[in-house]
């Protein structure tokens, strides 16, 4: 049974395009638009305020350009206009980002703020997020960071099925991450033994086959 599950799950993961599974077709990158009457603070000025920063990224949020400042112990987000730390992204701001990046219709869309107990399809490290559920044929969900205002991931039914197939393939039924778990190692060893004993039986059967008389 497990060998059959390996074959089915492996076949699904091989024939499906990984970019399609990741939902690349559902969204596009948000564009960074700077009004002509606005001026951004420079990266040099950001570094003067945060001398310990290891990386500074300028990115578009729903309502303004922002800087992501990576420090040794944390990541902070500031307005690119005035350098002030940004507050938690509102539902309206997150919805604007969805409308910017989603390739389909957002007319039938519901939103929920997720701060704890992340759904199984989302990495808990991404919390807090705004979860937007799109009423389409593949039950698309877009996740917008409530901290940065960026799209962090997108999920749909084909991804969820891929996740199940991955779980069955690696036999990690809880976290679906550990490819070195004891159960998988044991079943792999038994499968190898099955193949080797099968080959041995074939050899024995042919070796003991009576020769035909001419």
C-alpha atoms as a PDB file:
ATOM      1  CA  UNK A   1       0.000   0.000   0.000  1.00  0.00           C
ATOM      2  CA  UNK A   2       2.773   2.452   0.876  1.00  0.00           C
ATOM      3  CA  UNK A   3       4.625   1.735  -2.354  1.00  0.00           C
ATOM      4  CA  UNK A   4       1.385   2.472  -4.231  1.00  0.00           C
ATOM      5  CA  UNK A   5       1.006   5.751  -2.311  1.00  0.00           C
ATOM      6  CA  UNK A   6       4.610   6.649  -3.175  1.00  0.00           C
ATOM      7  CA  UNK A   7       3.873   6.031  -6.849  1.00  0.00           C
ATOM      8  CA  UNK A   8       0.630   8.065  -6.864  1.00  0.00           C
ATOM      9  CA  UNK A   9       2.001  10.974  -4.833  1.00  0.00           C
ATOM     10  CA  UNK A  10       5.261  11.030  -6.758  1.00  0.00           C
ATOM     11  CA  UNK A  11       3.410  11.031 -10.075  1.00  0.00           C
ATOM     12  CA  UNK A  12       1.253  13.995  -9.002  1.00  0.00           C
ATOM     13  CA  UNK A  13       4.253  15.985  -7.821  1.00  0.00           C
ATOM     14  CA  UNK A  14       6.155  15.266 -11.041  1.00  0.00           C
ATOM     15  CA  UNK A  15       3.401  16.097 -13.546  1.00  0.00           C
ATOM     16  CA  UNK A  16       2.272  19.313 -11.818  1.00  0.00           C
ATOM     17  CA  UNK A  17       4.191  22.493 -12.655  1.00  0.00           C
ATOM     18  CA  UNK A  18       5.707  23.811  -9.417  1.00  0.00           C
ATOM     19  CA  UNK A  19       5.079  27.465 -10.319  1.00  0.00           C
ATOM     20  CA  UNK A  20       1.407  26.624 -10.863  1.00  0.00           C
ATOM     21  CA  UNK A  21       1.290  24.836  -7.500  1.00  0.00           C
ATOM     22  CA  UNK A  22       2.830  27.874  -5.819  1.00  0.00           C
ATOM     23  CA  UNK A  23       0.121  30.044  -7.370  1.00  0.00           C
ATOM     24  CA  UNK A  24       2.406  32.209  -9.490  1.00  0.00           C
ATOM     25  CA  UNK A  25      -0.392  32.508 -12.059  1.00  0.00           C
ATOM     26  CA  UNK A  26      -2.750  33.993  -9.473  1.00  0.00           C
ATOM     27  CA  UNK A  27      -0.791  37.131  -8.693  1.00  0.00           C
ATOM     28  CA  UNK A  28       1.733  39.569 -10.078  1.00  0.00           C
ATOM     29  CA  UNK A  29       4.222  41.823  -8.356  1.00  0.00           C
ATOM     30  CA  UNK A  30       2.953  45.061  -6.928  1.00  0.00           C
ATOM     31  CA  UNK A  31       4.315  48.160  -8.633  1.00  0.00           C
ATOM     32  CA  UNK A  32       6.086  50.859  -6.687  1.00  0.00           C
ATOM     33  CA  UNK A  33       4.478  54.190  -7.584  1.00  0.00           C
ATOM     34  CA  UNK A  34       5.886  57.365  -6.083  1.00  0.00           C
ATOM     35  CA  UNK A  35       3.765  60.527  -6.512  1.00  0.00           C
ATOM     36  CA  UNK A  36       5.622  63.449  -8.040  1.00  0.00           C
ATOM     37  CA  UNK A  37       4.868  65.604  -5.015  1.00  0.00           C
ATOM     38  CA  UNK A  38       6.436  63.104  -2.599  1.00  0.00           C
ATOM     39  CA  UNK A  39      10.095  62.596  -1.665  1.00  0.00           C
ATOM     40  CA  UNK A  40      11.538  59.444  -0.194  1.00  0.00           C
ATOM     41  CA  UNK A  41      14.107  59.424   2.560  1.00  0.00           C
ATOM     42  CA  UNK A  42      17.365  57.918   1.334  1.00  0.00           C
ATOM     43  CA  UNK A  43      18.800  54.562   2.345  1.00  0.00           C
ATOM     44  CA  UNK A  44      21.734  56.469   3.812  1.00  0.00           C
ATOM     45  CA  UNK A  45      19.367  58.287   6.136  1.00  0.00           C
ATOM     46  CA  UNK A  46      17.768  54.999   7.130  1.00  0.00           C
ATOM     47  CA  UNK A  47      21.193  53.575   7.949  1.00  0.00           C
ATOM     48  CA  UNK A  48      22.000  56.627  10.091  1.00  0.00           C
ATOM     49  CA  UNK A  49      18.919  55.895  12.193  1.00  0.00           C
ATOM     50  CA  UNK A  50      19.599  52.126  12.220  1.00  0.00           C
ATOM     51  CA  UNK A  51      23.402  51.701  12.091  1.00  0.00           C
ATOM     52  CA  UNK A  52      23.117  48.025  12.976  1.00  0.00           C
ATOM     53  CA  UNK A  53      21.001  47.187   9.930  1.00  0.00           C
ATOM     54  CA  UNK A  54      22.264  44.311   7.811  1.00  0.00           C
ATOM     55  CA  UNK A  55      19.829  44.879   4.943  1.00  0.00           C
ATOM     56  CA  UNK A  56      17.427  47.625   3.843  1.00  0.00           C
ATOM     57  CA  UNK A  57      14.764  46.930   1.200  1.00  0.00           C
ATOM     58  CA  UNK A  58      12.407  49.421  -0.422  1.00  0.00           C
ATOM     59  CA  UNK A  59       9.055  47.841  -1.302  1.00  0.00           C
ATOM     60  CA  UNK A  60       5.499  48.872  -2.234  1.00  0.00           C
ATOM     61  CA  UNK A  61       2.732  48.501   0.324  1.00  0.00           C
ATOM     62  CA  UNK A  62      -0.930  49.178  -0.333  1.00  0.00           C
ATOM     63  CA  UNK A  63      -0.851  52.852   0.580  1.00  0.00           C
ATOM     64  CA  UNK A  64       2.799  53.981   0.479  1.00  0.00           C
ATOM     65  CA  UNK A  65       6.390  52.911  -0.229  1.00  0.00           C
ATOM     66  CA  UNK A  66       8.078  51.425   2.809  1.00  0.00           C
ATOM     67  CA  UNK A  67      11.495  50.281   3.954  1.00  0.00           C
ATOM     68  CA  UNK A  68      12.123  46.877   5.446  1.00  0.00           C
ATOM     69  CA  UNK A  69      15.027  47.196   7.877  1.00  0.00           C
ATOM     70  CA  UNK A  70      16.667  43.928   8.903  1.00  0.00           C
ATOM     71  CA  UNK A  71      18.484  44.089  12.235  1.00  0.00           C
ATOM     72  CA  UNK A  72      20.349  41.360  14.095  1.00  0.00           C
ATOM     73  CA  UNK A  73      17.449  40.601  16.437  1.00  0.00           C
ATOM     74  CA  UNK A  74      14.363  41.805  14.580  1.00  0.00           C
ATOM     75  CA  UNK A  75      12.864  43.193  11.386  1.00  0.00           C
ATOM     76  CA  UNK A  76      11.086  46.543  11.393  1.00  0.00           C
ATOM     77  CA  UNK A  77       9.084  48.415   8.763  1.00  0.00           C
ATOM     78  CA  UNK A  78       9.113  52.168   8.344  1.00  0.00           C
ATOM     79  CA  UNK A  79       7.457  54.672   6.036  1.00  0.00           C
ATOM     80  CA  UNK A  80       9.693  55.663   3.142  1.00  0.00           C
ATOM     81  CA  UNK A  81       8.233  59.166   3.344  1.00  0.00           C
ATOM     82  CA  UNK A  82       9.061  60.076   6.942  1.00  0.00           C
ATOM     83  CA  UNK A  83      10.921  57.123   8.462  1.00  0.00           C
ATOM     84  CA  UNK A  84       8.287  56.503  11.104  1.00  0.00           C
ATOM     85  CA  UNK A  85       7.534  52.904  12.143  1.00  0.00           C
ATOM     86  CA  UNK A  86       4.347  51.705  10.487  1.00  0.00           C
ATOM     87  CA  UNK A  87       1.323  50.614  12.442  1.00  0.00           C
ATOM     88  CA  UNK A  88      -0.498  47.336  11.892  1.00  0.00           C
ATOM     89  CA  UNK A  89      -1.996  47.175   8.413  1.00  0.00           C
ATOM     90  CA  UNK A  90      -5.750  47.685   8.398  1.00  0.00           C
ATOM     91  CA  UNK A  91      -8.184  45.476   6.513  1.00  0.00           C
ATOM     92  CA  UNK A  92      -8.840  48.260   4.000  1.00  0.00           C
ATOM     93  CA  UNK A  93      -5.104  48.677   3.309  1.00  0.00           C
ATOM     94  CA  UNK A  94      -4.627  44.927   2.943  1.00  0.00           C
ATOM     95  CA  UNK A  95      -7.607  44.745   0.573  1.00  0.00           C
ATOM     96  CA  UNK A  96      -5.990  47.431  -1.579  1.00  0.00           C
ATOM     97  CA  UNK A  97      -2.892  45.267  -1.879  1.00  0.00           C
ATOM     98  CA  UNK A  98      -5.028  42.279  -2.890  1.00  0.00           C
ATOM     99  CA  UNK A  99      -6.674  44.366  -5.599  1.00  0.00           C
ATOM    100  CA  UNK A 100      -3.225  45.426  -6.804  1.00  0.00           C
ATOM    101  CA  UNK A 101      -1.699  41.963  -7.108  1.00  0.00           C
ATOM    102  CA  UNK A 102      -4.547  39.492  -7.729  1.00  0.00           C
ATOM    103  CA  UNK A 103      -5.142  38.513 -11.347  1.00  0.00           C
ATOM    104  CA  UNK A 104      -8.799  37.572 -10.865  1.00  0.00           C
ATOM    105  CA  UNK A 105     -11.974  39.177  -9.595  1.00  0.00           C
ATOM    106  CA  UNK A 106     -12.181  40.229  -5.941  1.00  0.00           C
ATOM    107  CA  UNK A 107     -15.910  41.004  -5.922  1.00  0.00           C
ATOM    108  CA  UNK A 108     -16.741  37.973  -3.757  1.00  0.00           C
ATOM    109  CA  UNK A 109     -14.016  38.169  -1.110  1.00  0.00           C
ATOM    110  CA  UNK A 110     -13.987  37.781   2.663  1.00  0.00           C
ATOM    111  CA  UNK A 111     -11.235  38.825   5.062  1.00  0.00           C
ATOM    112  CA  UNK A 112     -10.061  37.650   8.459  1.00  0.00           C
ATOM    113  CA  UNK A 113      -7.185  38.767  10.664  1.00  0.00           C
ATOM    114  CA  UNK A 114      -5.138  35.767  11.820  1.00  0.00           C
ATOM    115  CA  UNK A 115      -2.901  36.465  14.807  1.00  0.00           C
ATOM    116  CA  UNK A 116      -2.573  32.955  16.246  1.00  0.00           C
ATOM    117  CA  UNK A 117      -3.357  29.338  15.372  1.00  0.00           C
ATOM    118  CA  UNK A 118      -2.214  29.648  11.769  1.00  0.00           C
ATOM    119  CA  UNK A 119      -4.027  27.398   9.287  1.00  0.00           C
ATOM    120  CA  UNK A 120      -2.077  24.344   8.166  1.00  0.00           C
ATOM    121  CA  UNK A 121      -1.395  25.928   4.766  1.00  0.00           C
ATOM    122  CA  UNK A 122       0.457  28.887   6.312  1.00  0.00           C
ATOM    123  CA  UNK A 123       3.821  29.055   8.055  1.00  0.00           C
ATOM    124  CA  UNK A 124       3.150  30.295  11.637  1.00  0.00           C
ATOM    125  CA  UNK A 125       6.255  32.507  11.402  1.00  0.00           C
ATOM    126  CA  UNK A 126       4.330  34.756   8.986  1.00  0.00           C
ATOM    127  CA  UNK A 127       1.723  35.770  11.571  1.00  0.00           C
ATOM    128  CA  UNK A 128      -0.029  38.144  11.952  1.00  0.00           C
ATOM    129  CA  UNK A 129      -1.653  38.166   8.519  1.00  0.00           C
ATOM    130  CA  UNK A 130      -4.835  39.162   6.779  1.00  0.00           C
ATOM    131  CA  UNK A 131      -6.400  36.121   5.147  1.00  0.00           C
ATOM    132  CA  UNK A 132      -8.471  36.928   2.058  1.00  0.00           C
ATOM    133  CA  UNK A 133     -10.677  34.108   0.774  1.00  0.00           C
ATOM    134  CA  UNK A 134     -11.658  34.412  -2.882  1.00  0.00           C
ATOM    135  CA  UNK A 135     -14.878  32.741  -4.000  1.00  0.00           C
ATOM    136  CA  UNK A 136     -13.510  31.077  -7.131  1.00  0.00           C
ATOM    137  CA  UNK A 137     -13.329  27.517  -8.455  1.00  0.00           C
ATOM    138  CA  UNK A 138     -10.063  26.674  -6.670  1.00  0.00           C
ATOM    139  CA  UNK A 139     -10.815  28.379  -3.321  1.00  0.00           C
ATOM    140  CA  UNK A 140      -7.939  30.837  -3.571  1.00  0.00           C
ATOM    141  CA  UNK A 141      -6.630  32.447  -0.413  1.00  0.00           C
ATOM    142  CA  UNK A 142      -4.224  35.369  -0.341  1.00  0.00           C
ATOM    143  CA  UNK A 143      -2.249  36.214   2.781  1.00  0.00           C
ATOM    144  CA  UNK A 144      -1.187  39.810   3.393  1.00  0.00           C
ATOM    145  CA  UNK A 145       1.214  40.541   6.244  1.00  0.00           C
ATOM    146  CA  UNK A 146      -0.457  42.692   8.879  1.00  0.00           C
ATOM    147  CA  UNK A 147       2.994  44.010   9.765  1.00  0.00           C
ATOM    148  CA  UNK A 148       4.516  44.880   6.397  1.00  0.00           C
ATOM    149  CA  UNK A 149       1.479  45.058   4.106  1.00  0.00           C
ATOM    150  CA  UNK A 150       3.184  42.706   1.628  1.00  0.00           C
ATOM    151  CA  UNK A 151       1.697  39.628  -0.009  1.00  0.00           C
ATOM    152  CA  UNK A 152       3.401  36.730   1.775  1.00  0.00           C
ATOM    153  CA  UNK A 153       1.825  33.747   0.003  1.00  0.00           C
ATOM    154  CA  UNK A 154      -1.129  32.448  -1.969  1.00  0.00           C
ATOM    155  CA  UNK A 155      -2.864  29.099  -1.702  1.00  0.00           C
ATOM    156  CA  UNK A 156      -5.407  27.158  -3.786  1.00  0.00           C
ATOM    157  CA  UNK A 157      -6.878  23.649  -3.998  1.00  0.00           C
ATOM    158  CA  UNK A 158      -4.135  22.246  -6.229  1.00  0.00           C
ATOM    159  CA  UNK A 159      -1.543  23.375  -3.664  1.00  0.00           C
ATOM    160  CA  UNK A 160      -3.572  21.767  -0.866  1.00  0.00           C
ATOM    161  CA  UNK A 161      -3.703  18.478  -2.783  1.00  0.00           C
ATOM    162  CA  UNK A 162       0.049  18.760  -3.433  1.00  0.00           C
ATOM    163  CA  UNK A 163       0.556  19.227   0.311  1.00  0.00           C
ATOM    164  CA  UNK A 164      -1.410  16.036   1.016  1.00  0.00           C
ATOM    165  CA  UNK A 165       0.616  14.151  -1.584  1.00  0.00           C
ATOM    166  CA  UNK A 166       3.837  15.454  -0.030  1.00  0.00           C
ATOM    167  CA  UNK A 167       2.630  14.314   3.403  1.00  0.00           C
ATOM    168  CA  UNK A 168       1.872  10.822   2.079  1.00  0.00           C
ATOM    169  CA  UNK A 169       5.193  10.686   0.240  1.00  0.00           C
ATOM    170  CA  UNK A 170       7.429  11.571   3.193  1.00  0.00           C
ATOM    171  CA  UNK A 171       5.130   9.950   5.803  1.00  0.00           C
ATOM    172  CA  UNK A 172       5.262  12.947   8.149  1.00  0.00           C
ATOM    173  CA  UNK A 173       1.610  13.267   9.097  1.00  0.00           C
ATOM    174  CA  UNK A 174       1.994  16.162  11.526  1.00  0.00           C
ATOM    175  CA  UNK A 175       4.454  18.861  10.422  1.00  0.00           C
ATOM    176  CA  UNK A 176       4.874  17.555   6.847  1.00  0.00           C
ATOM    177  CA  UNK A 177       8.497  18.691   6.862  1.00  0.00           C
ATOM    178  CA  UNK A 178      10.728  15.926   8.251  1.00  0.00           C
ATOM    179  CA  UNK A 179      12.049  13.737   5.443  1.00  0.00           C
ATOM    180  CA  UNK A 180      14.290  11.873   7.903  1.00  0.00           C
ATOM    181  CA  UNK A 181      11.554  10.582  10.203  1.00  0.00           C
ATOM    182  CA  UNK A 182      11.866   6.992  11.542  1.00  0.00           C
ATOM    183  CA  UNK A 183       8.658   5.783   9.864  1.00  0.00           C
ATOM    184  CA  UNK A 184       9.864   6.789   6.400  1.00  0.00           C
ATOM    185  CA  UNK A 185      13.269   5.219   7.040  1.00  0.00           C
ATOM    186  CA  UNK A 186      11.658   1.968   8.184  1.00  0.00           C
ATOM    187  CA  UNK A 187       9.255   1.770   5.239  1.00  0.00           C
ATOM    188  CA  UNK A 188      12.051   2.581   2.776  1.00  0.00           C
ATOM    189  CA  UNK A 189      14.120  -0.243   4.218  1.00  0.00           C
ATOM    190  CA  UNK A 190      11.170  -2.659   3.995  1.00  0.00           C
ATOM    191  CA  UNK A 191      10.506  -1.569   0.404  1.00  0.00           C
ATOM    192  CA  UNK A 192      14.140  -2.202  -0.488  1.00  0.00           C
ATOM    193  CA  UNK A 193      13.976  -5.625   1.130  1.00  0.00           C
ATOM    194  CA  UNK A 194      10.775  -6.361  -0.814  1.00  0.00           C
ATOM    195  CA  UNK A 195      12.477  -5.514  -4.107  1.00  0.00           C
ATOM    196  CA  UNK A 196      15.608  -7.507  -3.294  1.00  0.00           C
ATOM    197  CA  UNK A 197      13.692 -10.599  -2.165  1.00  0.00           C
ATOM    198  CA  UNK A 198      11.483 -10.327  -5.264  1.00  0.00           C
ATOM    199  CA  UNK A 199      14.551 -10.252  -7.488  1.00  0.00           C
ATOM    200  CA  UNK A 200      16.003 -13.196  -5.586  1.00  0.00           C
ATOM    201  CA  UNK A 201      12.792 -15.194  -6.066  1.00  0.00           C
ATOM    202  CA  UNK A 202      12.818 -14.427  -9.793  1.00  0.00           C
ATOM    203  CA  UNK A 203      16.423 -15.627 -10.025  1.00  0.00           C
ATOM    204  CA  UNK A 204      15.629 -18.801  -8.088  1.00  0.00           C
ATOM    205  CA  UNK A 205      12.555 -19.492 -10.215  1.00  0.00           C
ATOM    206  CA  UNK A 206      14.498 -19.189 -13.455  1.00  0.00           C
ATOM    207  CA  UNK A 207      17.481 -21.114 -12.091  1.00  0.00           C
ATOM    208  CA  UNK A 208      15.280 -24.056 -11.087  1.00  0.00           C
ATOM    209  CA  UNK A 209      13.220 -24.057 -14.273  1.00  0.00           C
ATOM    210  CA  UNK A 210      13.518 -27.463 -15.964  1.00  0.00           C
ATOM    211  CA  UNK A 211      15.275 -27.303 -19.293  1.00  0.00           C
ATOM    212  CA  UNK A 212      13.171 -28.276 -22.313  1.00  0.00           C
ATOM    213  CA  UNK A 213      14.216 -31.451 -24.084  1.00  0.00           C
ATOM    214  CA  UNK A 214      14.904 -31.120 -27.726  1.00  0.00           C
END
